[in-house]
Amino acid sequence: MLREPRKKKTKELIVRTAVQLFKDKGYDNVTVEEITQLCGIAKGTIIFLRRSMYCCTLAVPITGC
């Protein structure tokens, strides 16, 4: 049961971090490695939560990037 809140927080962290990087560097200049490094997570985590990357791309227009 504790996994779900942690999973949700990790997804939110990934989205926030990715959106900030997209704003700062542009979408085409951001790598998964940069996002995982800034989030302090393993690359496998972001692949496991791959829908988070899709959510990041959807968040861009909403946040004004």
C-alpha atoms as a PDB file:
ATOM      1  CA  MET A   1       0.000   0.000   0.000  1.00  0.00           C
ATOM      2  CA  LEU A   2       2.894   2.379   0.653  1.00  0.00           C
ATOM      3  CA  ARG A   3       4.178   1.931  -2.887  1.00  0.00           C
ATOM      4  CA  GLU A   4       1.369   3.894  -4.521  1.00  0.00           C
ATOM      5  CA  PRO A   5       1.982   7.224  -2.727  1.00  0.00           C
ATOM      6  CA  ARG A   6       5.732   6.908  -3.374  1.00  0.00           C
ATOM      7  CA  LYS A   7       5.106   6.030  -7.009  1.00  0.00           C
ATOM      8  CA  LYS A   8       2.841   9.065  -7.398  1.00  0.00           C
ATOM      9  CA  LYS A   9       5.419  11.380  -5.806  1.00  0.00           C
ATOM     10  CA  THR A  10       8.129  10.010  -8.091  1.00  0.00           C
ATOM     11  CA  LYS A  11       5.978  10.588 -11.174  1.00  0.00           C
ATOM     12  CA  GLU A  12       5.237  14.144 -10.039  1.00  0.00           C
ATOM     13  CA  LEU A  13       8.936  14.787  -9.459  1.00  0.00           C
ATOM     14  CA  ILE A  14       9.777  13.487 -12.928  1.00  0.00           C
ATOM     15  CA  VAL A  15       7.139  15.670 -14.574  1.00  0.00           C
ATOM     16  CA  ARG A  16       8.154  18.819 -12.667  1.00  0.00           C
ATOM     17  CA  THR A  17      11.830  18.249 -13.395  1.00  0.00           C
ATOM     18  CA  ALA A  18      11.275  17.483 -17.062  1.00  0.00           C
ATOM     19  CA  VAL A  19       9.032  20.482 -17.614  1.00  0.00           C
ATOM     20  CA  GLN A  20      11.597  22.772 -15.996  1.00  0.00           C
ATOM     21  CA  LEU A  21      14.326  21.327 -18.208  1.00  0.00           C
ATOM     22  CA  PHE A  22      12.109  21.749 -21.285  1.00  0.00           C
ATOM     23  CA  LYS A  23      11.622  25.405 -20.361  1.00  0.00           C
ATOM     24  CA  ASP A  24      15.327  25.970 -19.718  1.00  0.00           C
ATOM     25  CA  LYS A  25      16.853  23.994 -22.593  1.00  0.00           C
ATOM     26  CA  GLY A  26      14.089  23.217 -25.063  1.00  0.00           C
ATOM     27  CA  TYR A  27      12.403  19.861 -25.510  1.00  0.00           C
ATOM     28  CA  ASP A  28      14.847  18.510 -28.104  1.00  0.00           C
ATOM     29  CA  ASN A  29      17.832  19.221 -25.872  1.00  0.00           C
ATOM     30  CA  VAL A  30      16.711  17.253 -22.809  1.00  0.00           C
ATOM     31  CA  THR A  31      17.757  13.658 -22.209  1.00  0.00           C
ATOM     32  CA  VAL A  32      16.312  10.985 -19.973  1.00  0.00           C
ATOM     33  CA  GLU A  33      19.699  10.820 -18.273  1.00  0.00           C
ATOM     34  CA  GLU A  34      19.462  14.485 -17.254  1.00  0.00           C
ATOM     35  CA  ILE A  35      15.989  14.014 -15.827  1.00  0.00           C
ATOM     36  CA  THR A  36      16.944  10.910 -13.859  1.00  0.00           C
ATOM     37  CA  GLN A  37      20.115  12.511 -12.538  1.00  0.00           C
ATOM     38  CA  LEU A  38      18.283  15.592 -11.279  1.00  0.00           C
ATOM     39  CA  CYS A  39      15.534  13.445  -9.751  1.00  0.00           C
ATOM     40  CA  GLY A  40      18.037  11.141  -8.102  1.00  0.00           C
ATOM     41  CA  ILE A  41      16.453   8.056  -9.614  1.00  0.00           C
ATOM     42  CA  ALA A  42      17.729   5.196 -11.742  1.00  0.00           C
ATOM     43  CA  LYS A  43      17.202   5.283 -15.487  1.00  0.00           C
ATOM     44  CA  GLY A  44      15.212   2.068 -15.156  1.00  0.00           C
ATOM     45  CA  THR A  45      12.715   3.895 -12.958  1.00  0.00           C
ATOM     46  CA  ILE A  46      11.813   6.374 -15.640  1.00  0.00           C
ATOM     47  CA  ILE A  47      11.540   3.596 -18.185  1.00  0.00           C
ATOM     48  CA  PHE A  48       9.289   1.682 -15.801  1.00  0.00           C
ATOM     49  CA  LEU A  49       7.215   4.839 -15.371  1.00  0.00           C
ATOM     50  CA  ARG A  50       7.417   5.592 -19.106  1.00  0.00           C
ATOM     51  CA  ARG A  51       3.996   7.120 -19.115  1.00  0.00           C
ATOM     52  CA  SER A  52       5.542   9.903 -17.038  1.00  0.00           C
ATOM     53  CA  MET A  53       7.548  11.001 -20.066  1.00  0.00           C
ATOM     54  CA  TYR A  54       4.338  11.115 -22.061  1.00  0.00           C
ATOM     55  CA  CYS A  55       2.787  13.173 -19.270  1.00  0.00           C
ATOM     56  CA  CYS A  56       5.769  15.516 -19.419  1.00  0.00           C
ATOM     57  CA  THR A  57       5.150  16.217 -23.086  1.00  0.00           C
ATOM     58  CA  LEU A  58       1.488  16.884 -22.337  1.00  0.00           C
ATOM     59  CA  ALA A  59       2.414  19.219 -19.479  1.00  0.00           C
ATOM     60  CA  VAL A  60       4.493  21.486 -21.710  1.00  0.00           C
ATOM     61  CA  PRO A  61       1.584  23.433 -23.279  1.00  0.00           C
ATOM     62  CA  ILE A  62      -0.188  23.639 -19.920  1.00  0.00           C
ATOM     63  CA  THR A  63       2.805  25.197 -18.180  1.00  0.00           C
ATOM     64  CA  GLY A  64       3.470  27.652 -20.990  1.00  0.00           C
ATOM     65  CA  CYS A  65       6.685  26.214 -22.408  1.00  0.00           C
END
